Amino acid sequence: MARNLIFVLILMTTLGLNIAFAQNNAIAFDGTNDAVAFANPGPTNQITMECWFKLNAVGTGDLGKTIFSSNPTQNKSLWLTSVGSELRLWAFGSSNNALRFTTSGANITVGTWYHVAVVAKRGAANRTRLYLNGIELINQPSYDLNDFGTTFYFGNLRTNESLYCLNGYIDEVRIWTTLRTQSEILAGMNAILPVDSPGLVGYYPLDSNLNDYTTPAQNGTFYNGLVVSQPTFVASDVTLPVELSSFMATGTSDFFVRLSWITQSEQDVMGFMSIETQARITPLPHVSVN
């Protein structure tokens, strides 16, 4: 009986364990000439590009403002822009002819977070798809879509570009060499994914740097005074899970509690804080058990 009561007190003490998370930041683009570039981490004939974005101002004109682009040269391939309340996906063919796919009913508004994923495979018999918050809004033939180039950008079409820079935020950029399905996109867009997920070749949480969490890493580069900001996430916020593979609370000889644990996975965790580790357990009187 006494041993069971002490164990209950130990468990009550462990409830004071808190996890201190790092700030979940996103990158703020000024709408003028900011850009982030990173080397193509491996895609060739097929690709999935996804991220979260929030606008301070919607894109205007025919071309709009850039969310991300691939191979922004004479033979660029995919270019995703914000135009009014819709998204516009530009798909460039090998003869540099541009196909313009525009969503219908996306209803993009300022100040709201959205998840977007573009899934494309080269070849006339294949498809180019766009999903907004997991809902398919574009499904078109890929025609003679170019390869995906040597450089990717997000927030702008290219460096030193003043016309197409996003005025807003981007977070959780992911690049895949697999064609993600709608169910996979829905299952993963609100989760922190294992960095060894099959086909994941670029993973940029964008919490405090431009580091790529996959191996080999293709870290990004800032251009033109880009700053890191901490926007307010709404229901679409990507939470940061910490998985414990073991946790133990044991009593010491001087009636304190010793806590020990091993984490299975964690990312950008600042540390752990126990708020009652100095609470001494009062020795219980001897209890006879009949």
C-alpha atoms as a PDB file:
ATOM      1  CA  MET A   1       0.000   0.000   0.000  1.00  0.00           C
ATOM      2  CA  ALA A   2       2.726   2.505   0.966  1.00  0.00           C
ATOM      3  CA  ARG A   3       4.679   1.707  -2.173  1.00  0.00           C
ATOM      4  CA  ASN A   4       1.598   2.276  -4.330  1.00  0.00           C
ATOM      5  CA  LEU A   5       0.911   5.646  -2.685  1.00  0.00           C
ATOM      6  CA  ILE A   6       4.489   6.798  -3.289  1.00  0.00           C
ATOM      7  CA  PHE A   7       4.185   5.754  -6.930  1.00  0.00           C
ATOM      8  CA  VAL A   8       1.003   7.846  -7.264  1.00  0.00           C
ATOM      9  CA  LEU A   9       2.876  10.859  -5.886  1.00  0.00           C
ATOM     10  CA  ILE A  10       5.672  10.307  -8.389  1.00  0.00           C
ATOM     11  CA  LEU A  11       3.198  10.213 -11.251  1.00  0.00           C
ATOM     12  CA  MET A  12       1.535  13.397 -10.005  1.00  0.00           C
ATOM     13  CA  THR A  13       4.908  15.102  -9.924  1.00  0.00           C
ATOM     14  CA  THR A  14       5.638  14.111 -13.498  1.00  0.00           C
ATOM     15  CA  LEU A  15       2.574  16.030 -14.627  1.00  0.00           C
ATOM     16  CA  GLY A  16       4.654  19.156 -14.054  1.00  0.00           C
ATOM     17  CA  LEU A  17       6.896  18.301 -16.998  1.00  0.00           C
ATOM     18  CA  ASN A  18       6.653  20.919 -19.731  1.00  0.00           C
ATOM     19  CA  ILE A  19       8.329  21.018 -23.133  1.00  0.00           C
ATOM     20  CA  ALA A  20       9.798  24.326 -24.275  1.00  0.00           C
ATOM     21  CA  PHE A  21       9.509  24.575 -28.034  1.00  0.00           C
ATOM     22  CA  ALA A  22      11.457  26.759 -30.396  1.00  0.00           C
ATOM     23  CA  GLN A  23       9.504  29.517 -32.083  1.00  0.00           C
ATOM     24  CA  ASN A  24       7.706  28.268 -35.163  1.00  0.00           C
ATOM     25  CA  ASN A  25       8.766  30.968 -37.615  1.00  0.00           C
ATOM     26  CA  ALA A  26       8.119  31.581 -41.276  1.00  0.00           C
ATOM     27  CA  ILE A  27       9.986  33.712 -43.792  1.00  0.00           C
ATOM     28  CA  ALA A  28       8.608  37.181 -44.533  1.00  0.00           C
ATOM     29  CA  PHE A  29       8.941  38.533 -48.078  1.00  0.00           C
ATOM     30  CA  ASP A  30       8.727  42.303 -48.534  1.00  0.00           C
ATOM     31  CA  GLY A  31       7.029  42.342 -51.932  1.00  0.00           C
ATOM     32  CA  THR A  32       9.985  44.159 -53.482  1.00  0.00           C
ATOM     33  CA  ASN A  33      13.034  42.021 -54.248  1.00  0.00           C
ATOM     34  CA  ASP A  34      13.433  39.336 -51.577  1.00  0.00           C
ATOM     35  CA  ALA A  35      14.204  35.799 -52.725  1.00  0.00           C
ATOM     36  CA  VAL A  36      15.332  32.416 -51.453  1.00  0.00           C
ATOM     37  CA  ALA A  37      17.241  30.061 -53.736  1.00  0.00           C
ATOM     38  CA  PHE A  38      18.340  26.470 -53.302  1.00  0.00           C
ATOM     39  CA  ALA A  39      19.883  23.898 -55.581  1.00  0.00           C
ATOM     40  CA  ASN A  40      17.685  21.296 -57.197  1.00  0.00           C
ATOM     41  CA  PRO A  41      17.878  18.446 -54.668  1.00  0.00           C
ATOM     42  CA  GLY A  42      17.280  15.760 -57.235  1.00  0.00           C
ATOM     43  CA  PRO A  43      13.968  15.848 -59.132  1.00  0.00           C
ATOM     44  CA  THR A  44      14.192  15.023 -62.843  1.00  0.00           C
ATOM     45  CA  ASN A  45      11.034  13.859 -64.598  1.00  0.00           C
ATOM     46  CA  GLN A  46       8.582  14.087 -61.713  1.00  0.00           C
ATOM     47  CA  ILE A  47       8.209  16.324 -58.701  1.00  0.00           C
ATOM     48  CA  THR A  48       6.005  17.365 -55.794  1.00  0.00           C
ATOM     49  CA  MET A  49       6.562  20.856 -54.361  1.00  0.00           C
ATOM     50  CA  GLU A  50       4.577  21.959 -51.326  1.00  0.00           C
ATOM     51  CA  CYS A  51       4.546  24.739 -48.734  1.00  0.00           C
ATOM     52  CA  TRP A  52       2.366  26.907 -46.530  1.00  0.00           C
ATOM     53  CA  PHE A  53       1.868  30.554 -47.513  1.00  0.00           C
ATOM     54  CA  LYS A  54       0.063  33.638 -46.218  1.00  0.00           C
ATOM     55  CA  LEU A  55      -0.381  36.900 -48.124  1.00  0.00           C
ATOM     56  CA  ASN A  56      -0.118  40.464 -46.922  1.00  0.00           C
ATOM     57  CA  ALA A  57      -1.326  41.560 -50.360  1.00  0.00           C
ATOM     58  CA  VAL A  58      -2.727  39.562 -53.266  1.00  0.00           C
ATOM     59  CA  GLY A  59      -0.852  39.435 -56.551  1.00  0.00           C
ATOM     60  CA  THR A  60      -1.963  41.730 -59.357  1.00  0.00           C
ATOM     61  CA  GLY A  61      -1.714  41.773 -63.140  1.00  0.00           C
ATOM     62  CA  ASP A  62      -1.477  38.779 -65.416  1.00  0.00           C
ATOM     63  CA  LEU A  63       1.677  37.307 -63.877  1.00  0.00           C
ATOM     64  CA  GLY A  64       1.021  37.908 -60.174  1.00  0.00           C
ATOM     65  CA  LYS A  65       3.409  37.337 -57.257  1.00  0.00           C
ATOM     66  CA  THR A  66       5.602  34.255 -56.853  1.00  0.00           C
ATOM     67  CA  ILE A  67       5.076  31.487 -54.323  1.00  0.00           C
ATOM     68  CA  PHE A  68       7.700  29.207 -55.870  1.00  0.00           C
ATOM     69  CA  SER A  69       9.377  28.518 -59.204  1.00  0.00           C
ATOM     70  CA  SER A  70      11.681  25.926 -60.722  1.00  0.00           C
ATOM     71  CA  ASN A  71      14.541  26.525 -63.160  1.00  0.00           C
ATOM     72  CA  PRO A  72      13.844  30.256 -63.683  1.00  0.00           C
ATOM     73  CA  THR A  73      15.917  30.600 -66.885  1.00  0.00           C
ATOM     74  CA  GLN A  74      14.983  30.767 -70.536  1.00  0.00           C
ATOM     75  CA  ASN A  75      13.695  27.202 -70.259  1.00  0.00           C
ATOM     76  CA  LYS A  76      11.960  27.500 -66.897  1.00  0.00           C
ATOM     77  CA  SER A  77       9.465  24.828 -65.991  1.00  0.00           C
ATOM     78  CA  LEU A  78       6.918  25.410 -63.188  1.00  0.00           C
ATOM     79  CA  TRP A  79       6.013  28.804 -61.753  1.00  0.00           C
ATOM     80  CA  LEU A  80       3.274  29.225 -59.122  1.00  0.00           C
ATOM     81  CA  THR A  81       1.895  32.725 -58.529  1.00  0.00           C
ATOM     82  CA  SER A  82      -0.835  34.502 -56.597  1.00  0.00           C
ATOM     83  CA  VAL A  83      -3.210  36.486 -58.819  1.00  0.00           C
ATOM     84  CA  GLY A  84      -6.123  38.153 -57.050  1.00  0.00           C
ATOM     85  CA  SER A  85      -8.130  35.522 -55.178  1.00  0.00           C
ATOM     86  CA  GLU A  86      -6.789  32.685 -57.346  1.00  0.00           C
ATOM     87  CA  LEU A  87      -3.540  30.778 -57.916  1.00  0.00           C
ATOM     88  CA  ARG A  88      -1.909  30.617 -61.335  1.00  0.00           C
ATOM     89  CA  LEU A  89       0.384  27.787 -62.360  1.00  0.00           C
ATOM     90  CA  TRP A  90       2.622  28.450 -65.328  1.00  0.00           C
ATOM     91  CA  ALA A  91       3.952  25.323 -67.030  1.00  0.00           C
ATOM     92  CA  PHE A  92       6.674  25.961 -69.618  1.00  0.00           C
ATOM     93  CA  GLY A  93       7.350  23.474 -72.385  1.00  0.00           C
ATOM     94  CA  SER A  94      10.582  22.570 -74.111  1.00  0.00           C
ATOM     95  CA  SER A  95       9.887  25.144 -76.839  1.00  0.00           C
ATOM     96  CA  ASN A  96       9.371  27.779 -74.090  1.00  0.00           C
ATOM     97  CA  ASN A  97       5.653  27.945 -74.775  1.00  0.00           C
ATOM     98  CA  ALA A  98       3.833  28.721 -71.582  1.00  0.00           C
ATOM     99  CA  LEU A  99       0.672  26.999 -70.457  1.00  0.00           C
ATOM    100  CA  ARG A 100      -1.321  28.976 -67.937  1.00  0.00           C
ATOM    101  CA  PHE A 101      -3.507  27.043 -65.516  1.00  0.00           C
ATOM    102  CA  THR A 102      -5.628  29.132 -63.132  1.00  0.00           C
ATOM    103  CA  THR A 103      -7.664  27.873 -60.204  1.00  0.00           C
ATOM    104  CA  SER A 104     -11.365  28.608 -59.979  1.00  0.00           C
ATOM    105  CA  GLY A 105     -12.940  29.273 -56.614  1.00  0.00           C
ATOM    106  CA  ALA A 106      -9.738  29.230 -54.527  1.00  0.00           C
ATOM    107  CA  ASN A 107     -10.918  32.425 -52.800  1.00  0.00           C
ATOM    108  CA  ILE A 108      -7.466  33.342 -51.499  1.00  0.00           C
ATOM    109  CA  THR A 109      -7.686  36.133 -48.924  1.00  0.00           C
ATOM    110  CA  VAL A 110      -5.102  38.270 -47.185  1.00  0.00           C
ATOM    111  CA  GLY A 111      -4.046  37.142 -43.713  1.00  0.00           C
ATOM    112  CA  THR A 112      -5.006  33.460 -44.027  1.00  0.00           C
ATOM    113  CA  TRP A 113      -2.633  30.496 -44.144  1.00  0.00           C
ATOM    114  CA  TYR A 114      -2.988  28.055 -47.056  1.00  0.00           C
ATOM    115  CA  HIS A 115      -1.230  24.844 -47.930  1.00  0.00           C
ATOM    116  CA  VAL A 116      -0.412  24.360 -51.612  1.00  0.00           C
ATOM    117  CA  ALA A 117       1.092  21.360 -53.401  1.00  0.00           C
ATOM    118  CA  VAL A 118       2.019  21.038 -57.069  1.00  0.00           C
ATOM    119  CA  VAL A 119       2.442  17.503 -58.405  1.00  0.00           C
ATOM    120  CA  ALA A 120       3.797  17.159 -61.941  1.00  0.00           C
ATOM    121  CA  LYS A 121       5.300  14.560 -64.239  1.00  0.00           C
ATOM    122  CA  ARG A 122       6.809  15.378 -67.591  1.00  0.00           C
ATOM    123  CA  GLY A 123       5.333  13.936 -70.759  1.00  0.00           C
ATOM    124  CA  ALA A 124       2.154  14.501 -72.770  1.00  0.00           C
ATOM    125  CA  ALA A 125       0.505  11.413 -71.298  1.00  0.00           C
ATOM    126  CA  ASN A 126       1.052  12.642 -67.731  1.00  0.00           C
ATOM    127  CA  ARG A 127      -0.674  15.202 -65.539  1.00  0.00           C
ATOM    128  CA  THR A 128       0.130  18.402 -63.680  1.00  0.00           C
ATOM    129  CA  ARG A 129      -1.963  18.874 -60.551  1.00  0.00           C
ATOM    130  CA  LEU A 130      -2.406  21.564 -57.896  1.00  0.00           C
ATOM    131  CA  TYR A 131      -3.918  20.989 -54.466  1.00  0.00           C
ATOM    132  CA  LEU A 132      -4.992  23.811 -52.159  1.00  0.00           C
ATOM    133  CA  ASN A 133      -5.465  22.683 -48.556  1.00  0.00           C
ATOM    134  CA  GLY A 134      -5.553  19.149 -49.943  1.00  0.00           C
ATOM    135  CA  ILE A 135      -8.308  19.869 -52.487  1.00  0.00           C
ATOM    136  CA  GLU A 136      -7.487  19.339 -56.162  1.00  0.00           C
ATOM    137  CA  LEU A 137      -8.080  22.565 -58.117  1.00  0.00           C
ATOM    138  CA  ILE A 138      -5.949  21.971 -61.218  1.00  0.00           C
ATOM    139  CA  ASN A 139      -5.576  18.742 -63.183  1.00  0.00           C
ATOM    140  CA  GLN A 140      -4.169  19.288 -66.682  1.00  0.00           C
ATOM    141  CA  PRO A 141      -2.017  17.398 -69.200  1.00  0.00           C
ATOM    142  CA  SER A 142       1.712  18.040 -68.765  1.00  0.00           C
ATOM    143  CA  TYR A 143       2.269  18.349 -72.528  1.00  0.00           C
ATOM    144  CA  ASP A 144       5.993  18.946 -73.243  1.00  0.00           C
ATOM    145  CA  LEU A 145       6.826  20.198 -69.748  1.00  0.00           C
ATOM    146  CA  ASN A 146      10.497  21.057 -69.295  1.00  0.00           C
ATOM    147  CA  ASP A 147      12.764  19.268 -66.852  1.00  0.00           C
ATOM    148  CA  PHE A 148      12.894  20.822 -63.416  1.00  0.00           C
ATOM    149  CA  GLY A 149      16.207  22.575 -63.753  1.00  0.00           C
ATOM    150  CA  THR A 150      19.133  23.209 -61.443  1.00  0.00           C
ATOM    151  CA  THR A 151      17.764  25.898 -59.132  1.00  0.00           C
ATOM    152  CA  PHE A 152      14.506  26.378 -57.246  1.00  0.00           C
ATOM    153  CA  TYR A 153      13.216  29.623 -55.748  1.00  0.00           C
ATOM    154  CA  PHE A 154      10.447  30.530 -53.381  1.00  0.00           C
ATOM    155  CA  GLY A 155       9.041  33.987 -52.744  1.00  0.00           C
ATOM    156  CA  ASN A 156      10.286  35.241 -56.098  1.00  0.00           C
ATOM    157  CA  LEU A 157      10.819  34.147 -59.691  1.00  0.00           C
ATOM    158  CA  ARG A 158      14.580  34.721 -59.447  1.00  0.00           C
ATOM    159  CA  THR A 159      17.131  36.855 -57.622  1.00  0.00           C
ATOM    160  CA  ASN A 160      17.234  40.617 -58.210  1.00  0.00           C
ATOM    161  CA  GLU A 161      13.669  40.540 -59.508  1.00  0.00           C
ATOM    162  CA  SER A 162      11.413  43.457 -58.531  1.00  0.00           C
ATOM    163  CA  LEU A 163       8.166  42.555 -60.314  1.00  0.00           C
ATOM    164  CA  TYR A 164       7.193  39.153 -58.959  1.00  0.00           C
ATOM    165  CA  CYS A 165       8.240  39.130 -55.270  1.00  0.00           C
ATOM    166  CA  LEU A 166       5.677  37.831 -52.792  1.00  0.00           C
ATOM    167  CA  ASN A 167       4.307  40.185 -50.151  1.00  0.00           C
ATOM    168  CA  GLY A 168       3.679  37.680 -47.392  1.00  0.00           C
ATOM    169  CA  TYR A 169       5.025  34.578 -45.677  1.00  0.00           C
ATOM    170  CA  ILE A 170       6.142  31.071 -46.626  1.00  0.00           C
ATOM    171  CA  ASP A 171       6.689  28.122 -44.292  1.00  0.00           C
ATOM    172  CA  GLU A 172       7.388  24.355 -44.390  1.00  0.00           C
ATOM    173  CA  VAL A 173       8.780  23.952 -47.911  1.00  0.00           C
ATOM    174  CA  ARG A 174       9.067  20.319 -49.045  1.00  0.00           C
ATOM    175  CA  ILE A 175      10.399  18.842 -52.287  1.00  0.00           C
ATOM    176  CA  TRP A 176       9.732  15.255 -53.370  1.00  0.00           C
ATOM    177  CA  THR A 177      10.857  13.061 -56.247  1.00  0.00           C
ATOM    178  CA  THR A 178       7.629  11.102 -55.871  1.00  0.00           C
ATOM    179  CA  LEU A 179       4.164  12.039 -57.061  1.00  0.00           C
ATOM    180  CA  ARG A 180       2.295  12.629 -53.815  1.00  0.00           C
ATOM    181  CA  THR A 181      -1.300  11.510 -53.818  1.00  0.00           C
ATOM    182  CA  GLN A 182      -4.146  13.573 -52.466  1.00  0.00           C
ATOM    183  CA  SER A 183      -4.440  11.326 -49.404  1.00  0.00           C
ATOM    184  CA  GLU A 184      -0.694  11.625 -48.726  1.00  0.00           C
ATOM    185  CA  ILE A 185      -0.852  15.407 -49.006  1.00  0.00           C
ATOM    186  CA  LEU A 186      -3.817  15.580 -46.626  1.00  0.00           C
ATOM    187  CA  ALA A 187      -2.143  13.238 -44.135  1.00  0.00           C
ATOM    188  CA  GLY A 188       1.176  15.079 -44.122  1.00  0.00           C
ATOM    189  CA  MET A 189       0.463  18.768 -44.540  1.00  0.00           C
ATOM    190  CA  ASN A 190      -0.170  19.396 -40.810  1.00  0.00           C
ATOM    191  CA  ALA A 191       2.567  17.066 -39.575  1.00  0.00           C
ATOM    192  CA  ILE A 192       6.312  17.123 -39.081  1.00  0.00           C
ATOM    193  CA  LEU A 193       7.505  14.368 -41.398  1.00  0.00           C
ATOM    194  CA  PRO A 194      10.422  11.978 -40.863  1.00  0.00           C
ATOM    195  CA  VAL A 195      13.374  13.329 -42.809  1.00  0.00           C
ATOM    196  CA  ASP A 196      13.957   9.880 -44.309  1.00  0.00           C
ATOM    197  CA  SER A 197      10.451   9.696 -45.793  1.00  0.00           C
ATOM    198  CA  PRO A 198      10.648   7.927 -49.194  1.00  0.00           C
ATOM    199  CA  GLY A 199      11.094  10.462 -51.969  1.00  0.00           C
ATOM    200  CA  LEU A 200      11.621  13.471 -49.680  1.00  0.00           C
ATOM    201  CA  VAL A 201      14.724  15.247 -51.030  1.00  0.00           C
ATOM    202  CA  GLY A 202      14.272  18.760 -49.653  1.00  0.00           C
ATOM    203  CA  TYR A 203      12.751  19.722 -46.287  1.00  0.00           C
ATOM    204  CA  TYR A 204      12.895  23.338 -45.103  1.00  0.00           C
ATOM    205  CA  PRO A 205      10.990  23.989 -41.830  1.00  0.00           C
ATOM    206  CA  LEU A 206      12.156  27.648 -42.021  1.00  0.00           C
ATOM    207  CA  ASP A 207      12.019  28.136 -38.272  1.00  0.00           C
ATOM    208  CA  SER A 208      15.367  29.879 -37.836  1.00  0.00           C
ATOM    209  CA  ASN A 209      17.462  29.219 -40.957  1.00  0.00           C
ATOM    210  CA  LEU A 210      17.390  27.880 -44.503  1.00  0.00           C
ATOM    211  CA  ASN A 211      18.766  24.463 -43.612  1.00  0.00           C
ATOM    212  CA  ASP A 212      17.606  21.425 -45.510  1.00  0.00           C
ATOM    213  CA  TYR A 213      16.851  18.597 -43.065  1.00  0.00           C
ATOM    214  CA  THR A 214      17.322  15.824 -45.625  1.00  0.00           C
ATOM    215  CA  THR A 215      20.603  14.124 -46.573  1.00  0.00           C
ATOM    216  CA  PRO A 216      22.499  15.236 -48.560  1.00  0.00           C
ATOM    217  CA  ALA A 217      21.405  18.715 -47.531  1.00  0.00           C
ATOM    218  CA  GLN A 218      20.820  21.443 -50.110  1.00  0.00           C
ATOM    219  CA  ASN A 219      20.675  24.504 -47.851  1.00  0.00           C
ATOM    220  CA  GLY A 220      19.073  27.635 -49.219  1.00  0.00           C
ATOM    221  CA  THR A 221      20.452  31.144 -49.678  1.00  0.00           C
ATOM    222  CA  PHE A 222      18.933  34.525 -48.757  1.00  0.00           C
ATOM    223  CA  TYR A 223      18.909  37.349 -51.282  1.00  0.00           C
ATOM    224  CA  ASN A 224      18.187  41.070 -50.916  1.00  0.00           C
ATOM    225  CA  GLY A 225      17.641  41.607 -47.223  1.00  0.00           C
ATOM    226  CA  LEU A 226      15.219  38.823 -46.461  1.00  0.00           C
ATOM    227  CA  VAL A 227      14.174  38.728 -42.785  1.00  0.00           C
ATOM    228  CA  VAL A 228      12.697  36.023 -40.606  1.00  0.00           C
ATOM    229  CA  SER A 229       9.363  36.909 -39.072  1.00  0.00           C
ATOM    230  CA  GLN A 230       6.989  35.206 -36.685  1.00  0.00           C
ATOM    231  CA  PRO A 231       3.491  35.397 -38.159  1.00  0.00           C
ATOM    232  CA  THR A 232       0.396  34.330 -36.343  1.00  0.00           C
ATOM    233  CA  PHE A 233      -0.662  30.806 -37.327  1.00  0.00           C
ATOM    234  CA  VAL A 234      -4.324  29.939 -37.319  1.00  0.00           C
ATOM    235  CA  ALA A 235      -5.985  26.513 -37.463  1.00  0.00           C
ATOM    236  CA  SER A 236      -3.619  25.482 -40.257  1.00  0.00           C
ATOM    237  CA  ASP A 237      -0.607  25.892 -37.970  1.00  0.00           C
ATOM    238  CA  VAL A 238       1.938  23.082 -38.237  1.00  0.00           C
ATOM    239  CA  THR A 239       2.408  21.794 -34.694  1.00  0.00           C
ATOM    240  CA  LEU A 240       5.688  20.387 -33.444  1.00  0.00           C
ATOM    241  CA  PRO A 241       5.350  16.886 -32.009  1.00  0.00           C
ATOM    242  CA  VAL A 242       7.906  15.320 -29.697  1.00  0.00           C
ATOM    243  CA  GLU A 243       7.687  11.543 -29.495  1.00  0.00           C
ATOM    244  CA  LEU A 244       8.999   9.810 -26.372  1.00  0.00           C
ATOM    245  CA  SER A 245      10.384   6.301 -26.700  1.00  0.00           C
ATOM    246  CA  SER A 246      10.817   6.007 -22.914  1.00  0.00           C
ATOM    247  CA  PHE A 247       9.951   7.995 -19.788  1.00  0.00           C
ATOM    248  CA  MET A 248      10.749   7.091 -16.183  1.00  0.00           C
ATOM    249  CA  ALA A 249      10.097   8.696 -12.794  1.00  0.00           C
ATOM    250  CA  THR A 250      11.905   7.148  -9.823  1.00  0.00           C
ATOM    251  CA  GLY A 251      12.133   8.078  -6.163  1.00  0.00           C
ATOM    252  CA  THR A 252      15.553   8.769  -4.650  1.00  0.00           C
ATOM    253  CA  SER A 253      16.826   7.792  -1.211  1.00  0.00           C
ATOM    254  CA  ASP A 254      16.324  11.359   0.045  1.00  0.00           C
ATOM    255  CA  PHE A 255      12.734  11.418  -1.162  1.00  0.00           C
ATOM    256  CA  PHE A 256      13.124  13.465  -4.364  1.00  0.00           C
ATOM    257  CA  VAL A 257      11.928  12.405  -7.815  1.00  0.00           C
ATOM    258  CA  ARG A 258      14.358  11.719 -10.640  1.00  0.00           C
ATOM    259  CA  LEU A 259      12.915  12.094 -14.156  1.00  0.00           C
ATOM    260  CA  SER A 260      14.564  10.547 -17.205  1.00  0.00           C
ATOM    261  CA  TRP A 261      13.425  10.200 -20.797  1.00  0.00           C
ATOM    262  CA  ILE A 262      14.554   9.426 -24.334  1.00  0.00           C
ATOM    263  CA  THR A 263      12.999  11.154 -27.327  1.00  0.00           C
ATOM    264  CA  GLN A 264      12.174   9.182 -30.449  1.00  0.00           C
ATOM    265  CA  SER A 265      12.030  12.273 -32.672  1.00  0.00           C
ATOM    266  CA  GLU A 266      12.167  16.027 -32.193  1.00  0.00           C
ATOM    267  CA  GLN A 267      13.041  19.097 -34.214  1.00  0.00           C
ATOM    268  CA  ASP A 268      14.074  22.581 -33.017  1.00  0.00           C
ATOM    269  CA  VAL A 269      13.282  21.819 -29.370  1.00  0.00           C
ATOM    270  CA  MET A 270      14.883  24.445 -27.132  1.00  0.00           C
ATOM    271  CA  GLY A 271      14.876  22.206 -24.063  1.00  0.00           C
ATOM    272  CA  PHE A 272      12.824  20.551 -21.356  1.00  0.00           C
ATOM    273  CA  MET A 273      11.663  22.156 -18.123  1.00  0.00           C
ATOM    274  CA  SER A 274      10.307  20.429 -15.033  1.00  0.00           C
ATOM    275  CA  ILE A 275       8.422  22.853 -12.803  1.00  0.00           C
ATOM    276  CA  GLU A 276       8.229  20.699  -9.652  1.00  0.00           C
ATOM    277  CA  THR A 277      11.440  18.747  -9.562  1.00  0.00           C
ATOM    278  CA  GLN A 278      12.344  20.277  -6.187  1.00  0.00           C
ATOM    279  CA  ALA A 279       9.198  19.037  -4.496  1.00  0.00           C
ATOM    280  CA  ARG A 280      10.218  16.567  -1.826  1.00  0.00           C
ATOM    281  CA  ILE A 281       8.088  13.481  -1.251  1.00  0.00           C
ATOM    282  CA  THR A 282       7.033  13.240   2.363  1.00  0.00           C
ATOM    283  CA  PRO A 283       7.792   9.797   3.770  1.00  0.00           C
ATOM    284  CA  LEU A 284       4.629   7.869   4.493  1.00  0.00           C
ATOM    285  CA  PRO A 285       4.055   6.071   7.766  1.00  0.00           C
ATOM    286  CA  HIS A 286       4.317   2.349   7.762  1.00  0.00           C
ATOM    287  CA  VAL A 287       1.070   0.801   6.634  1.00  0.00           C
ATOM    288  CA  SER A 288       0.253  -2.758   7.555  1.00  0.00           C
ATOM    289  CA  VAL A 289      -1.379  -4.815   4.889  1.00  0.00           C
ATOM    290  CA  ASN A 290      -3.603  -7.570   6.147  1.00  0.00           C
END
